[in-house]
């Protein structure tokens, strides 16, 4: 799912056509210093819902590639999870610690509002509930301003980890299993706590070293460095930071038997899914494993209570069980199997299948 990166040499319109993107908006506001991008991938199933990410990208090209890739991933996430939502994303270029202001967020919100509800913003890396409250001053429809979806994302990842453990070890129990949690932001911290409660032995890391040690001390778990966590012996690896964790440089470092986490775009390239299979590593596709937050947001829009949301989120485990069963039956990777579920649902609603996936789609039975 990283067609955009591999085709970075083509024009933007060609890249949009290749991935069947509906709209990309470039935003600039001189008075606030805003530089941002909004991408809407597909609205076949409903309005495009996706987080607002604020990050100090090294270049505008990097920001664009991330925004396009994440928007497309949201389409697959919503479709595979059975939701009535489409895929979108927005990114603000800048350091959220030093450059985020109310005026900048409101400027971004005014650009979102020009889309007339086709894109619904939510929390992502570099933004939080307070930021959504600010966006609501300019945007008619905002998610995450009443309930932080981080816990539900973590709850869904735990369900994915149970499914991956059953596939890898023949047993859903996590008692005594060593789980390495890469990244302890909002979701990673919730996940680590849930896994401790499930009886797992937890190892954590974060690029924010003080935060990692604070979480480690509070939960009573081991802390290691980001440079070492991929190669540290463990049963299950849970990537909960930025994407591209599984790449040519890291693929041989992993010692785990299963992988499931909250990060988006865990695989740097689609071919890495097959490489994980060859390494004997069970992989719960990221866009299903981390769909709990999105399920929460749809439930919030529908007025569901916490008990209803929890039941819906726990269904992620059953969906991933089905993905693993299809992958075994058809001799394909778990990522391909999950994408097939998403494509089938888009087709059932008359949606177009992205060009890059049409070869895969022809194999759907």
Foldseek 3Di string as FASTA:
>chain_A
DQQCVVVVVDDPVVSCQLQVWDDKDWDADVVQGWTKMKTARDQLLHAAEEAEAEDQDPDVSVRVSVQVQQQSLSQLLCLLLVHSHHGMYMYTHDQLVPRDDLVNLCSVLQVVQVVVRSYEYAHDHSDALVSQVSSVVRHVHHFRVVPNLLLQLLLLLLLQQLLQCCVQPVGSQQAAFEEEEEACDSNSLSNVQVSVVSRHQYEYEYPPHVVQVVSCVVNVHHYDYNVCRQQPAGAEYAYEDEACLQDPVRLVRHNYQEYTYQYPNNHPDPVSLVSCVVVNYAYQHNSLSRSRSVLVRSCVVVVHDPVVSSVSSSCSNVSLNVLVVVCVVVVHGSVLSSSQSSVVSCVVSVHDRRNVCPVSNVPRD
